[in-house]
N, C-alpha and C. Protein backbone atom coordinates (compact mmCIF):
# COMPACT_ATOMS: atom_id res chain seq x y z
N MET A 1 0.92 -1.11 0.19
CA MET A 1 0.00 0.10 -0.09
C MET A 1 0.86 1.42 -0.07
N ILE A 2 0.40 2.15 -0.84
CA ILE A 2 1.17 3.51 -0.97
C ILE A 2 0.33 4.66 -0.41
N THR A 3 0.91 5.39 0.47
CA THR A 3 0.32 6.56 1.00
C THR A 3 0.84 7.84 0.45
N LEU A 4 -0.13 8.67 -0.17
CA LEU A 4 0.38 9.84 -0.68
C LEU A 4 -0.59 11.06 0.29
N GLN A 5 0.27 12.14 0.26
CA GLN A 5 -0.44 13.28 1.05
C GLN A 5 -0.68 14.48 -0.03
N GLN A 6 -1.86 15.15 -0.13
CA GLN A 6 -2.24 16.15 -0.97
C GLN A 6 -1.41 17.39 -0.43
N ASP A 7 -0.90 18.25 -1.19
CA ASP A 7 -0.49 19.59 -0.71
C ASP A 7 -1.36 20.69 -0.71
N ALA A 8 -1.04 21.70 -0.28
CA ALA A 8 -1.95 22.99 -0.12
C ALA A 8 -2.48 23.50 -1.49
N ASP A 9 -1.91 23.34 -2.43
CA ASP A 9 -2.19 23.53 -3.75
C ASP A 9 -3.54 22.55 -4.29
N GLY A 10 -3.44 21.36 -3.77
CA GLY A 10 -4.39 20.45 -4.46
C GLY A 10 -3.79 19.27 -5.30
N PHE A 11 -2.34 19.08 -5.07
CA PHE A 11 -1.63 18.29 -5.75
C PHE A 11 -0.87 17.07 -5.03
N VAL A 12 -0.72 16.10 -5.64
CA VAL A 12 0.13 14.83 -5.07
C VAL A 12 1.19 14.80 -5.92
N ARG A 13 2.40 14.58 -5.27
CA ARG A 13 3.75 14.15 -5.93
C ARG A 13 3.59 12.76 -6.80
N MET A 14 3.58 12.81 -8.03
CA MET A 14 3.80 11.53 -8.74
C MET A 14 4.66 11.74 -9.93
N ASN A 15 5.54 11.38 -10.14
CA ASN A 15 6.38 11.30 -11.24
C ASN A 15 6.70 10.17 -12.18
N ARG A 16 5.79 9.11 -11.90
CA ARG A 16 5.87 7.85 -12.40
C ARG A 16 4.45 7.27 -12.40
N HIS A 17 4.26 6.08 -13.25
CA HIS A 17 3.26 5.22 -13.12
C HIS A 17 3.38 4.32 -12.09
N PHE A 18 2.30 3.82 -11.19
CA PHE A 18 2.22 2.85 -10.16
C PHE A 18 1.77 1.64 -10.75
N PRO A 19 2.12 0.61 -10.14
CA PRO A 19 1.37 -0.45 -10.64
C PRO A 19 -0.02 -0.73 -10.67
N ALA A 20 -0.78 -1.18 -11.51
CA ALA A 20 -2.24 -0.88 -11.81
C ALA A 20 -3.06 -1.39 -10.52
N LYS A 21 -2.73 -2.49 -10.12
CA LYS A 21 -3.65 -3.10 -8.89
C LYS A 21 -3.16 -2.63 -7.42
N THR A 22 -2.05 -1.78 -7.40
CA THR A 22 -1.68 -1.40 -6.09
C THR A 22 -2.66 -0.46 -5.65
N PRO A 23 -3.01 -0.75 -4.23
CA PRO A 23 -3.91 0.36 -3.66
C PRO A 23 -3.13 1.44 -2.95
N ILE A 24 -3.59 2.45 -3.36
CA ILE A 24 -3.01 3.78 -2.92
C ILE A 24 -3.96 4.79 -2.12
N VAL A 25 -3.55 5.19 -1.05
CA VAL A 25 -4.31 5.92 -0.28
C VAL A 25 -3.85 7.33 -0.29
N ILE A 26 -4.78 8.25 -0.18
CA ILE A 26 -4.46 9.71 -0.66
C ILE A 26 -5.13 10.52 0.67
N ARG A 27 -4.42 11.13 1.50
CA ARG A 27 -4.75 11.97 2.44
C ARG A 27 -4.93 13.45 2.04
N PHE A 28 -6.27 13.88 2.04
CA PHE A 28 -6.53 15.02 1.52
C PHE A 28 -6.24 16.03 2.54
N THR A 29 -6.14 17.34 2.10
CA THR A 29 -5.88 18.50 3.17
C THR A 29 -7.15 18.92 3.84
N ASP A 30 -8.39 18.40 3.67
CA ASP A 30 -9.53 18.61 4.48
C ASP A 30 -9.86 17.62 5.57
N GLY A 31 -8.60 16.54 5.49
CA GLY A 31 -8.82 15.66 6.65
C GLY A 31 -9.34 14.30 6.23
N THR A 32 -9.94 14.39 5.16
CA THR A 32 -10.43 12.98 4.76
C THR A 32 -9.20 12.11 3.91
N THR A 33 -9.73 10.94 3.50
CA THR A 33 -8.67 10.15 2.94
C THR A 33 -9.50 9.23 1.95
N GLY A 34 -8.86 9.01 0.99
CA GLY A 34 -9.56 8.18 -0.17
C GLY A 34 -8.63 7.14 -0.52
N GLU A 35 -9.29 5.89 -1.08
CA GLU A 35 -8.33 4.73 -1.43
C GLU A 35 -8.78 4.63 -2.99
N TYR A 36 -7.70 4.50 -3.67
CA TYR A 36 -7.67 4.39 -5.22
C TYR A 36 -6.74 3.43 -5.63
N THR A 37 -6.77 2.97 -6.94
CA THR A 37 -5.94 1.86 -7.20
C THR A 37 -4.80 2.65 -8.12
N GLY A 38 -3.67 1.90 -8.36
CA GLY A 38 -2.70 2.47 -9.27
C GLY A 38 -3.14 2.82 -10.64
N ALA A 39 -4.17 2.03 -11.08
CA ALA A 39 -4.71 2.46 -12.41
C ALA A 39 -5.28 3.66 -12.59
N ARG A 40 -6.30 4.14 -11.55
CA ARG A 40 -6.80 5.49 -11.58
C ARG A 40 -6.03 6.37 -11.38
N LEU A 41 -4.92 6.41 -10.52
CA LEU A 41 -3.97 7.46 -10.38
C LEU A 41 -3.11 7.60 -11.75
N ASN A 42 -2.95 6.49 -12.45
CA ASN A 42 -2.23 6.64 -13.51
C ASN A 42 -2.88 7.33 -14.74
N GLU A 43 -4.17 7.23 -14.77
CA GLU A 43 -4.99 7.93 -15.72
C GLU A 43 -4.82 9.45 -15.39
N LEU A 44 -5.08 9.85 -14.05
CA LEU A 44 -4.70 11.09 -13.51
C LEU A 44 -3.42 11.64 -14.15
N TYR A 45 -2.37 10.90 -13.91
CA TYR A 45 -0.92 11.39 -14.19
C TYR A 45 -1.08 11.47 -15.79
N ASP A 46 -1.50 10.57 -16.45
CA ASP A 46 -1.53 10.71 -17.94
C ASP A 46 -2.34 12.12 -18.50
N ALA A 47 -3.51 12.35 -17.77
CA ALA A 47 -4.08 13.63 -18.02
C ALA A 47 -3.41 14.71 -17.89
N ALA A 48 -2.83 14.70 -16.74
CA ALA A 48 -1.73 15.90 -16.16
C ALA A 48 -0.78 16.15 -17.27
N LEU A 49 -0.32 15.06 -17.78
CA LEU A 49 0.86 14.97 -18.59
C LEU A 49 0.61 15.50 -20.10
N ALA A 50 -0.51 15.17 -20.44
CA ALA A 50 -1.14 15.61 -21.73
C ALA A 50 -1.35 17.03 -21.84
N THR A 51 -1.92 17.58 -20.62
CA THR A 51 -2.22 19.01 -20.39
C THR A 51 -1.00 19.84 -20.32
N PHE A 52 0.11 19.27 -19.67
CA PHE A 52 1.54 19.77 -20.02
C PHE A 52 2.00 20.09 -20.91
N ARG A 53 1.64 19.02 -21.93
CA ARG A 53 2.74 18.96 -23.25
C ARG A 53 1.85 19.89 -24.06
N ALA A 54 0.51 19.97 -24.08
CA ALA A 54 -0.20 20.80 -24.99
C ALA A 54 0.05 22.26 -24.47
N GLU A 55 0.18 22.58 -23.28
CA GLU A 55 0.44 23.93 -22.87
C GLU A 55 1.89 24.53 -23.16
N ASN A 56 2.46 23.49 -23.41
CA ASN A 56 3.94 23.85 -23.78
C ASN A 56 4.63 23.47 -25.08
N ARG A 57 3.58 23.26 -25.89
CA ARG A 57 3.73 22.85 -27.40
C ARG A 57 4.79 21.76 -27.65
N LEU A 58 4.53 20.58 -26.90
CA LEU A 58 5.08 19.51 -27.04
C LEU A 58 4.39 18.45 -27.75
N ASP A 59 5.07 17.47 -28.65
CA ASP A 59 4.09 16.67 -29.31
C ASP A 59 3.87 15.42 -28.31
N ALA A 60 3.18 14.36 -28.73
CA ALA A 60 2.65 13.35 -28.11
C ALA A 60 3.72 12.48 -27.40
N LYS A 61 4.81 12.65 -27.73
CA LYS A 61 6.03 11.81 -26.97
C LYS A 61 6.66 12.77 -26.21
N GLY A 62 6.53 14.25 -26.16
CA GLY A 62 7.19 15.01 -25.21
C GLY A 62 8.29 15.61 -25.97
N PHE A 63 8.37 15.57 -27.11
CA PHE A 63 9.52 16.41 -27.82
C PHE A 63 9.10 17.63 -28.32
N SER A 64 9.91 18.74 -28.12
CA SER A 64 9.58 19.89 -28.62
C SER A 64 9.90 20.08 -30.06
N ARG A 65 8.87 20.75 -30.87
CA ARG A 65 9.30 21.02 -32.20
C ARG A 65 9.64 22.52 -32.52
N SER A 66 9.86 23.22 -31.66
CA SER A 66 10.38 24.42 -31.52
C SER A 66 11.67 24.54 -31.78
N PRO A 67 12.55 25.72 -31.60
CA PRO A 67 13.78 25.87 -31.74
C PRO A 67 14.43 25.45 -30.45
N ALA A 68 15.78 25.25 -30.44
CA ALA A 68 16.47 24.47 -29.42
C ALA A 68 16.31 25.18 -27.90
N LYS A 69 16.16 26.64 -28.05
CA LYS A 69 16.25 27.38 -26.70
C LYS A 69 14.73 27.16 -25.83
N THR A 70 14.86 26.21 -24.95
CA THR A 70 13.79 25.91 -24.05
C THR A 70 13.94 26.25 -22.94
N VAL A 71 12.92 26.68 -22.06
CA VAL A 71 13.08 27.02 -20.69
C VAL A 71 12.91 25.85 -19.59
N HIS A 72 11.99 24.98 -20.12
CA HIS A 72 11.93 23.84 -19.09
C HIS A 72 13.21 22.69 -19.50
N PRO A 73 13.93 22.30 -18.53
CA PRO A 73 15.01 21.33 -18.55
C PRO A 73 14.35 19.90 -18.77
N THR A 74 13.25 19.72 -18.57
CA THR A 74 12.67 18.41 -18.61
C THR A 74 11.02 18.46 -19.05
N HIS A 75 10.77 17.42 -19.86
CA HIS A 75 9.37 17.38 -20.29
C HIS A 75 8.56 16.47 -19.66
N ASN A 76 8.32 16.40 -18.21
CA ASN A 76 7.62 15.61 -17.51
C ASN A 76 7.02 16.59 -16.24
N VAL A 77 5.98 15.87 -15.87
CA VAL A 77 5.04 16.39 -14.74
C VAL A 77 5.57 15.67 -13.34
N GLU A 78 5.61 16.19 -12.38
CA GLU A 78 5.79 15.70 -10.97
C GLU A 78 4.38 16.05 -10.26
N PHE A 79 3.69 16.65 -10.45
CA PHE A 79 2.51 16.92 -9.41
C PHE A 79 1.25 16.85 -10.25
N VAL A 80 0.24 16.04 -9.58
CA VAL A 80 -1.13 15.58 -10.24
C VAL A 80 -2.16 16.11 -9.56
N PRO A 81 -3.09 16.84 -10.10
CA PRO A 81 -4.14 17.31 -9.18
C PRO A 81 -5.00 16.41 -8.88
N VAL A 82 -5.66 16.40 -7.51
CA VAL A 82 -6.58 15.53 -7.13
C VAL A 82 -7.48 16.35 -5.96
N GLN A 83 -8.69 15.83 -5.90
CA GLN A 83 -9.43 16.31 -5.07
C GLN A 83 -10.16 15.51 -4.12
N SER A 84 -10.85 15.73 -3.06
CA SER A 84 -11.51 14.86 -2.11
C SER A 84 -12.90 14.38 -2.86
N GLY A 85 -13.31 13.24 -2.93
CA GLY A 85 -14.35 12.80 -3.24
C GLY A 85 -14.56 12.44 -4.88
N MET A 86 -13.12 12.29 -5.51
CA MET A 86 -13.05 11.82 -6.83
C MET A 86 -13.52 10.48 -7.02
N ALA A 87 -13.86 10.11 -8.28
CA ALA A 87 -14.13 8.80 -8.12
C ALA A 87 -13.00 7.76 -8.28
N PRO A 88 -13.51 6.37 -7.57
CA PRO A 88 -12.42 5.54 -7.56
C PRO A 88 -11.90 4.88 -8.77
C-alpha cells in the first residue's frame, strides 16, 4: 500500500506510473482519506501530462518541435491534481 499526501495547492507528487492493482491511499488537506488503485492514479497522471505537453507545445511523445532554446529542462510532470471525493 502506498500513501500520498495532498499539498495545499491540491496536488500529489507523482513522477511515474504505479502498478495498476496497487492500493493507494491519499490523505487530503481537508482531513479525509480516499483509497484508489494505481490504474486510477495513472489515468490522472496521463491527463496531467497531456495538459502539460499541450500548454508547452510539445508533441505526444514530449518532444519540442520549436527551436532549441527552451525554458524547461525536462518534459515531465511531477504533480498531479486531485480532489476529495473523486471517483475511485
